[in-house]
Amino acid sequence: MPTVFVLNGPNLNLLGQRQPEIYGSTTLADVERDCKALGAELGLDIAFHQSNHEGAIIDLIHQARLKAQAIVINPAAFTHTSVAILDALNTFDGPVIEVHISNVHKRESFRHHSYVSLRAEGVIAGFGIHGYLLALRHVAKLVG
Protein backbone atom coordinates (compact mmCIF):
# COMPACT_ATOMS: atom_id res chain seq x y z
CA MET A 1 0.00 0.00 0.00
CA PRO A 2 1.58 3.34 -1.01
CA THR A 3 2.33 5.73 1.84
CA VAL A 4 1.46 9.42 1.60
CA PHE A 5 2.85 11.92 4.07
CA VAL A 6 0.32 14.68 4.78
CA LEU A 7 2.32 17.53 6.28
CA ASN A 8 0.90 20.59 7.98
CA GLY A 9 2.76 23.74 8.91
CA PRO A 10 2.55 26.35 11.64
CA ASN A 11 -0.66 27.29 13.38
CA LEU A 12 -2.69 24.55 11.69
CA ASN A 13 -2.89 22.87 15.11
CA LEU A 14 -5.33 25.72 15.88
CA LEU A 15 -7.78 24.86 13.09
CA GLY A 16 -11.31 25.28 14.34
CA GLN A 17 -10.21 27.96 16.81
CA ARG A 18 -8.11 30.39 14.76
CA GLN A 19 -9.91 32.75 12.37
CA PRO A 20 -12.92 30.50 11.69
CA GLU A 21 -14.20 33.07 9.17
CA ILE A 22 -11.19 32.11 7.00
CA TYR A 23 -10.40 28.54 8.00
CA GLY A 24 -13.77 27.21 9.19
CA SER A 25 -14.65 25.30 12.34
CA THR A 26 -13.16 21.92 11.42
CA THR A 27 -10.22 20.85 13.58
CA LEU A 28 -6.95 19.34 12.40
CA ALA A 29 -8.02 16.10 14.10
CA ASP A 30 -11.11 16.13 11.86
CA VAL A 31 -8.91 16.64 8.80
CA GLU A 32 -6.67 13.76 9.86
CA ARG A 33 -9.70 11.48 10.39
CA ASP A 34 -11.10 12.37 6.95
CA CYS A 35 -7.73 11.90 5.24
CA LYS A 36 -7.17 8.51 6.83
CA ALA A 37 -10.70 7.37 5.96
CA LEU A 38 -10.32 8.40 2.33
CA GLY A 39 -6.81 6.97 2.25
CA ALA A 40 -8.15 3.57 3.33
CA GLU A 41 -10.81 3.78 0.61
CA LEU A 42 -8.18 4.67 -2.01
CA GLY A 43 -5.62 2.11 -0.84
CA LEU A 44 -3.24 4.69 0.63
CA ASP A 45 -1.50 4.57 3.98
CA ILE A 46 -1.68 8.11 5.41
CA ALA A 47 1.07 9.41 7.71
CA PHE A 48 -0.35 12.67 9.07
CA HIS A 49 1.89 15.25 10.77
CA GLN A 50 1.84 18.87 11.93
CA SER A 51 4.61 21.08 13.24
CA ASN A 52 5.08 24.72 14.07
CA HIS A 53 8.81 24.30 13.47
CA GLU A 54 10.43 24.59 10.06
CA GLY A 55 13.22 22.14 10.88
CA ALA A 56 10.74 19.49 12.02
CA ILE A 57 8.91 19.75 8.70
CA ILE A 58 12.21 19.39 6.87
CA ASP A 59 12.99 16.29 8.95
CA LEU A 60 9.59 14.83 8.01
CA ILE A 61 10.28 15.47 4.32
CA HIS A 62 13.60 13.64 4.74
CA GLN A 63 11.74 10.72 6.34
CA ALA A 64 9.30 10.73 3.43
CA ARG A 65 12.23 10.16 1.05
CA LEU A 66 12.60 6.71 2.60
CA LYS A 67 9.02 5.87 3.53
CA ALA A 68 6.54 7.62 1.21
CA GLN A 69 5.52 7.61 -2.41
CA ALA A 70 3.93 11.10 -2.27
CA ILE A 71 3.63 14.21 -0.12
CA VAL A 72 0.57 16.39 0.40
CA ILE A 73 1.73 19.55 2.14
CA ASN A 74 0.00 22.56 3.61
CA PRO A 75 3.08 24.57 4.54
CA ALA A 76 0.93 27.43 5.93
CA ALA A 77 3.04 30.57 6.47
CA PHE A 78 6.22 28.69 5.48
CA THR A 79 4.78 28.68 1.94
CA HIS A 80 5.89 32.26 1.51
CA THR A 81 9.18 32.21 3.38
CA SER A 82 10.93 28.85 3.35
CA VAL A 83 13.56 28.14 0.76
CA ALA A 84 14.71 25.40 3.16
CA ILE A 85 11.41 23.50 2.79
CA LEU A 86 11.63 23.93 -0.99
CA ASP A 87 15.17 22.53 -0.94
CA ALA A 88 14.01 19.55 1.13
CA LEU A 89 11.09 18.90 -1.22
CA ASN A 90 13.51 18.97 -4.14
CA THR A 91 15.25 15.91 -2.62
CA PHE A 92 11.98 13.93 -2.71
CA ASP A 93 11.40 11.86 -5.86
CA GLY A 94 7.63 11.36 -5.70
CA PRO A 95 4.77 13.74 -6.41
CA VAL A 96 4.14 16.73 -4.15
CA ILE A 97 0.75 18.43 -3.95
CA GLU A 98 0.48 21.81 -2.19
CA VAL A 99 -2.77 22.50 -0.33
CA HIS A 100 -4.16 25.71 1.17
CA ILE A 101 -7.47 25.89 2.98
CA SER A 102 -8.11 29.50 2.02
CA ASN A 103 -7.74 31.09 -1.39
CA VAL A 104 -4.35 32.68 -0.81
CA HIS A 105 -4.78 34.79 -3.97
CA LYS A 106 -7.70 36.68 -2.40
CA ARG A 107 -5.62 37.53 0.66
CA GLU A 108 -2.65 39.78 1.41
CA SER A 109 -0.20 40.22 -1.46
CA PHE A 110 2.66 38.53 0.42
CA ARG A 111 0.60 35.31 0.33
CA HIS A 112 0.56 35.30 -3.47
CA HIS A 113 4.09 33.89 -3.73
CA SER A 114 4.84 30.27 -2.89
CA TYR A 115 8.29 28.74 -2.77
CA VAL A 116 6.68 25.30 -2.47
CA SER A 117 4.85 25.75 -5.79
CA LEU A 118 8.21 25.66 -7.54
CA ARG A 119 8.34 21.94 -6.64
CA ALA A 120 4.68 20.92 -6.46
CA GLU A 121 2.98 19.04 -9.28
CA GLY A 122 -0.21 20.87 -8.37
CA VAL A 123 -1.67 23.44 -6.00
CA ILE A 124 -5.13 23.30 -4.45
CA ALA A 125 -6.31 26.49 -2.76
CA GLY A 126 -9.61 27.86 -1.57
CA PHE A 127 -11.59 24.63 -1.24
CA GLY A 128 -11.41 24.55 2.55
CA ILE A 129 -10.40 21.27 4.12
CA HIS A 130 -11.88 19.48 1.10
CA GLY A 131 -8.65 20.44 -0.66
CA TYR A 132 -6.82 17.72 1.28
CA LEU A 133 -9.22 15.10 -0.05
CA LEU A 134 -8.91 16.40 -3.60
CA ALA A 135 -5.14 16.15 -3.24
CA LEU A 136 -5.34 12.57 -1.99
CA ARG A 137 -7.61 11.56 -4.87
CA HIS A 138 -5.08 12.97 -7.33
CA VAL A 139 -2.15 11.33 -5.54
CA ALA A 140 -3.95 7.97 -5.73
CA LYS A 141 -4.03 8.33 -9.51
CA LEU A 142 -0.35 9.28 -9.63
CA VAL A 143 0.98 6.46 -7.44
CA GLY A 144 -1.70 3.80 -8.00
C-alpha atoms as a PDB file:
ATOM      1  CA  MET A   1       0.000   0.000   0.000  1.00  0.00           C
ATOM      2  CA  PRO A   2       1.580   3.338  -1.007  1.00  0.00           C
ATOM      3  CA  THR A   3       2.328   5.732   1.841  1.00  0.00           C
ATOM      4  CA  VAL A   4       1.457   9.417   1.600  1.00  0.00           C
ATOM      5  CA  PHE A   5       2.850  11.923   4.067  1.00  0.00           C
ATOM      6  CA  VAL A   6       0.318  14.676   4.783  1.00  0.00           C
ATOM      7  CA  LEU A   7       2.324  17.533   6.278  1.00  0.00           C
ATOM      8  CA  ASN A   8       0.896  20.592   7.983  1.00  0.00           C
ATOM      9  CA  GLY A   9       2.762  23.744   8.906  1.00  0.00           C
ATOM     10  CA  PRO A  10       2.549  26.350  11.635  1.00  0.00           C
ATOM     11  CA  ASN A  11      -0.664  27.286  13.385  1.00  0.00           C
ATOM     12  CA  LEU A  12      -2.686  24.548  11.692  1.00  0.00           C
ATOM     13  CA  ASN A  13      -2.893  22.865  15.107  1.00  0.00           C
ATOM     14  CA  LEU A  14      -5.332  25.717  15.879  1.00  0.00           C
ATOM     15  CA  LEU A  15      -7.777  24.862  13.092  1.00  0.00           C
ATOM     16  CA  GLY A  16     -11.313  25.284  14.340  1.00  0.00           C
ATOM     17  CA  GLN A  17     -10.208  27.955  16.807  1.00  0.00           C
ATOM     18  CA  ARG A  18      -8.110  30.394  14.758  1.00  0.00           C
ATOM     19  CA  GLN A  19      -9.914  32.747  12.368  1.00  0.00           C
ATOM     20  CA  PRO A  20     -12.916  30.497  11.688  1.00  0.00           C
ATOM     21  CA  GLU A  21     -14.196  33.067   9.174  1.00  0.00           C
ATOM     22  CA  ILE A  22     -11.188  32.114   7.001  1.00  0.00           C
ATOM     23  CA  TYR A  23     -10.402  28.538   8.003  1.00  0.00           C
ATOM     24  CA  GLY A  24     -13.774  27.209   9.187  1.00  0.00           C
ATOM     25  CA  SER A  25     -14.646  25.300  12.337  1.00  0.00           C
ATOM     26  CA  THR A  26     -13.161  21.918  11.425  1.00  0.00           C
ATOM     27  CA  THR A  27     -10.221  20.853  13.576  1.00  0.00           C
ATOM     28  CA  LEU A  28      -6.950  19.341  12.396  1.00  0.00           C
ATOM     29  CA  ALA A  29      -8.015  16.100  14.103  1.00  0.00           C
ATOM     30  CA  ASP A  30     -11.110  16.127  11.863  1.00  0.00           C
ATOM     31  CA  VAL A  31      -8.907  16.644   8.797  1.00  0.00           C
ATOM     32  CA  GLU A  32      -6.674  13.763   9.863  1.00  0.00           C
ATOM     33  CA  ARG A  33      -9.696  11.482  10.390  1.00  0.00           C
ATOM     34  CA  ASP A  34     -11.101  12.368   6.955  1.00  0.00           C
ATOM     35  CA  CYS A  35      -7.728  11.904   5.236  1.00  0.00           C
ATOM     36  CA  LYS A  36      -7.175   8.512   6.835  1.00  0.00           C
ATOM     37  CA  ALA A  37     -10.705   7.367   5.962  1.00  0.00           C
ATOM     38  CA  LEU A  38     -10.322   8.401   2.333  1.00  0.00           C
ATOM     39  CA  GLY A  39      -6.807   6.965   2.254  1.00  0.00           C
ATOM     40  CA  ALA A  40      -8.153   3.571   3.326  1.00  0.00           C
ATOM     41  CA  GLU A  41     -10.810   3.785   0.615  1.00  0.00           C
ATOM     42  CA  LEU A  42      -8.177   4.669  -2.013  1.00  0.00           C
ATOM     43  CA  GLY A  43      -5.622   2.106  -0.838  1.00  0.00           C
ATOM     44  CA  LEU A  44      -3.239   4.689   0.625  1.00  0.00           C
ATOM     45  CA  ASP A  45      -1.500   4.574   3.979  1.00  0.00           C
ATOM     46  CA  ILE A  46      -1.680   8.115   5.411  1.00  0.00           C
ATOM     47  CA  ALA A  47       1.070   9.406   7.713  1.00  0.00           C
ATOM     48  CA  PHE A  48      -0.349  12.670   9.071  1.00  0.00           C
ATOM     49  CA  HIS A  49       1.890  15.254  10.765  1.00  0.00           C
ATOM     50  CA  GLN A  50       1.836  18.870  11.933  1.00  0.00           C
ATOM     51  CA  SER A  51       4.612  21.079  13.240  1.00  0.00           C
ATOM     52  CA  ASN A  52       5.076  24.721  14.069  1.00  0.00           C
ATOM     53  CA  HIS A  53       8.814  24.302  13.468  1.00  0.00           C
ATOM     54  CA  GLU A  54      10.435  24.586  10.055  1.00  0.00           C
ATOM     55  CA  GLY A  55      13.219  22.136  10.883  1.00  0.00           C
ATOM     56  CA  ALA A  56      10.743  19.491  12.024  1.00  0.00           C
ATOM     57  CA  ILE A  57       8.905  19.755   8.699  1.00  0.00           C
ATOM     58  CA  ILE A  58      12.208  19.395   6.865  1.00  0.00           C
ATOM     59  CA  ASP A  59      12.992  16.291   8.950  1.00  0.00           C
ATOM     60  CA  LEU A  60       9.591  14.830   8.009  1.00  0.00           C
ATOM     61  CA  ILE A  61      10.277  15.466   4.317  1.00  0.00           C
ATOM     62  CA  HIS A  62      13.604  13.645   4.739  1.00  0.00           C
ATOM     63  CA  GLN A  63      11.738  10.719   6.337  1.00  0.00           C
ATOM     64  CA  ALA A  64       9.304  10.735   3.431  1.00  0.00           C
ATOM     65  CA  ARG A  65      12.227  10.162   1.050  1.00  0.00           C
ATOM     66  CA  LEU A  66      12.604   6.715   2.601  1.00  0.00           C
ATOM     67  CA  LYS A  67       9.016   5.869   3.526  1.00  0.00           C
ATOM     68  CA  ALA A  68       6.543   7.623   1.213  1.00  0.00           C
ATOM     69  CA  GLN A  69       5.516   7.613  -2.413  1.00  0.00           C
ATOM     70  CA  ALA A  70       3.930  11.097  -2.270  1.00  0.00           C
ATOM     71  CA  ILE A  71       3.634  14.208  -0.123  1.00  0.00           C
ATOM     72  CA  VAL A  72       0.572  16.390   0.396  1.00  0.00           C
ATOM     73  CA  ILE A  73       1.732  19.547   2.141  1.00  0.00           C
ATOM     74  CA  ASN A  74      -0.001  22.564   3.605  1.00  0.00           C
ATOM     75  CA  PRO A  75       3.079  24.574   4.538  1.00  0.00           C
ATOM     76  CA  ALA A  76       0.932  27.434   5.930  1.00  0.00           C
ATOM     77  CA  ALA A  77       3.040  30.565   6.466  1.00  0.00           C
ATOM     78  CA  PHE A  78       6.219  28.689   5.482  1.00  0.00           C
ATOM     79  CA  THR A  79       4.785  28.678   1.942  1.00  0.00           C
ATOM     80  CA  HIS A  80       5.886  32.265   1.507  1.00  0.00           C
ATOM     81  CA  THR A  81       9.184  32.206   3.383  1.00  0.00           C
ATOM     82  CA  SER A  82      10.934  28.846   3.349  1.00  0.00           C
ATOM     83  CA  VAL A  83      13.564  28.139   0.758  1.00  0.00           C
ATOM     84  CA  ALA A  84      14.710  25.401   3.162  1.00  0.00           C
ATOM     85  CA  ILE A  85      11.411  23.504   2.789  1.00  0.00           C
ATOM     86  CA  LEU A  86      11.634  23.931  -0.994  1.00  0.00           C
ATOM     87  CA  ASP A  87      15.167  22.531  -0.938  1.00  0.00           C
ATOM     88  CA  ALA A  88      14.012  19.546   1.133  1.00  0.00           C
ATOM     89  CA  LEU A  89      11.087  18.900  -1.221  1.00  0.00           C
ATOM     90  CA  ASN A  90      13.512  18.975  -4.138  1.00  0.00           C
ATOM     91  CA  THR A  91      15.251  15.909  -2.619  1.00  0.00           C
ATOM     92  CA  PHE A  92      11.977  13.934  -2.714  1.00  0.00           C
ATOM     93  CA  ASP A  93      11.402  11.855  -5.863  1.00  0.00           C
ATOM     94  CA  GLY A  94       7.631  11.363  -5.697  1.00  0.00           C
ATOM     95  CA  PRO A  95       4.767  13.738  -6.409  1.00  0.00           C
ATOM     96  CA  VAL A  96       4.137  16.732  -4.155  1.00  0.00           C
ATOM     97  CA  ILE A  97       0.746  18.432  -3.946  1.00  0.00           C
ATOM     98  CA  GLU A  98       0.478  21.807  -2.194  1.00  0.00           C
ATOM     99  CA  VAL A  99      -2.768  22.505  -0.328  1.00  0.00           C
ATOM    100  CA  HIS A 100      -4.158  25.709   1.172  1.00  0.00           C
ATOM    101  CA  ILE A 101      -7.472  25.887   2.984  1.00  0.00           C
ATOM    102  CA  SER A 102      -8.105  29.502   2.019  1.00  0.00           C
ATOM    103  CA  ASN A 103      -7.743  31.088  -1.392  1.00  0.00           C
ATOM    104  CA  VAL A 104      -4.353  32.684  -0.812  1.00  0.00           C
ATOM    105  CA  HIS A 105      -4.780  34.787  -3.969  1.00  0.00           C
ATOM    106  CA  LYS A 106      -7.697  36.684  -2.395  1.00  0.00           C
ATOM    107  CA  ARG A 107      -5.624  37.534   0.662  1.00  0.00           C
ATOM    108  CA  GLU A 108      -2.653  39.784   1.408  1.00  0.00           C
ATOM    109  CA  SER A 109      -0.204  40.223  -1.459  1.00  0.00           C
ATOM    110  CA  PHE A 110       2.661  38.530   0.421  1.00  0.00           C
ATOM    111  CA  ARG A 111       0.596  35.305   0.329  1.00  0.00           C
ATOM    112  CA  HIS A 112       0.560  35.299  -3.473  1.00  0.00           C
ATOM    113  CA  HIS A 113       4.091  33.893  -3.729  1.00  0.00           C
ATOM    114  CA  SER A 114       4.842  30.273  -2.891  1.00  0.00           C
ATOM    115  CA  TYR A 115       8.290  28.740  -2.774  1.00  0.00           C
ATOM    116  CA  VAL A 116       6.676  25.301  -2.465  1.00  0.00           C
ATOM    117  CA  SER A 117       4.846  25.754  -5.786  1.00  0.00           C
ATOM    118  CA  LEU A 118       8.212  25.658  -7.538  1.00  0.00           C
ATOM    119  CA  ARG A 119       8.342  21.941  -6.642  1.00  0.00           C
ATOM    120  CA  ALA A 120       4.684  20.923  -6.460  1.00  0.00           C
ATOM    121  CA  GLU A 121       2.979  19.038  -9.276  1.00  0.00           C
ATOM    122  CA  GLY A 122      -0.205  20.872  -8.369  1.00  0.00           C
ATOM    123  CA  VAL A 123      -1.669  23.440  -5.998  1.00  0.00           C
ATOM    124  CA  ILE A 124      -5.135  23.299  -4.452  1.00  0.00           C
ATOM    125  CA  ALA A 125      -6.311  26.493  -2.757  1.00  0.00           C
ATOM    126  CA  GLY A 126      -9.614  27.858  -1.567  1.00  0.00           C
ATOM    127  CA  PHE A 127     -11.595  24.630  -1.240  1.00  0.00           C
ATOM    128  CA  GLY A 128     -11.408  24.546   2.547  1.00  0.00           C
ATOM    129  CA  ILE A 129     -10.401  21.269   4.116  1.00  0.00           C
ATOM    130  CA  HIS A 130     -11.885  19.479   1.104  1.00  0.00           C
ATOM    131  CA  GLY A 131      -8.651  20.442  -0.656  1.00  0.00           C
ATOM    132  CA  TYR A 132      -6.819  17.720   1.281  1.00  0.00           C
ATOM    133  CA  LEU A 133      -9.225  15.104  -0.049  1.00  0.00           C
ATOM    134  CA  LEU A 134      -8.911  16.404  -3.602  1.00  0.00           C
ATOM    135  CA  ALA A 135      -5.137  16.155  -3.245  1.00  0.00           C
ATOM    136  CA  LEU A 136      -5.340  12.570  -1.992  1.00  0.00           C
ATOM    137  CA  ARG A 137      -7.608  11.555  -4.869  1.00  0.00           C
ATOM    138  CA  HIS A 138      -5.085  12.967  -7.330  1.00  0.00           C
ATOM    139  CA  VAL A 139      -2.153  11.330  -5.542  1.00  0.00           C
ATOM    140  CA  ALA A 140      -3.946   7.970  -5.728  1.00  0.00           C
ATOM    141  CA  LYS A 141      -4.033   8.328  -9.513  1.00  0.00           C
ATOM    142  CA  LEU A 142      -0.353   9.275  -9.633  1.00  0.00           C
ATOM    143  CA  VAL A 143       0.984   6.455  -7.442  1.00  0.00           C
ATOM    144  CA  GLY A 144      -1.699   3.804  -7.996  1.00  0.00           C
END
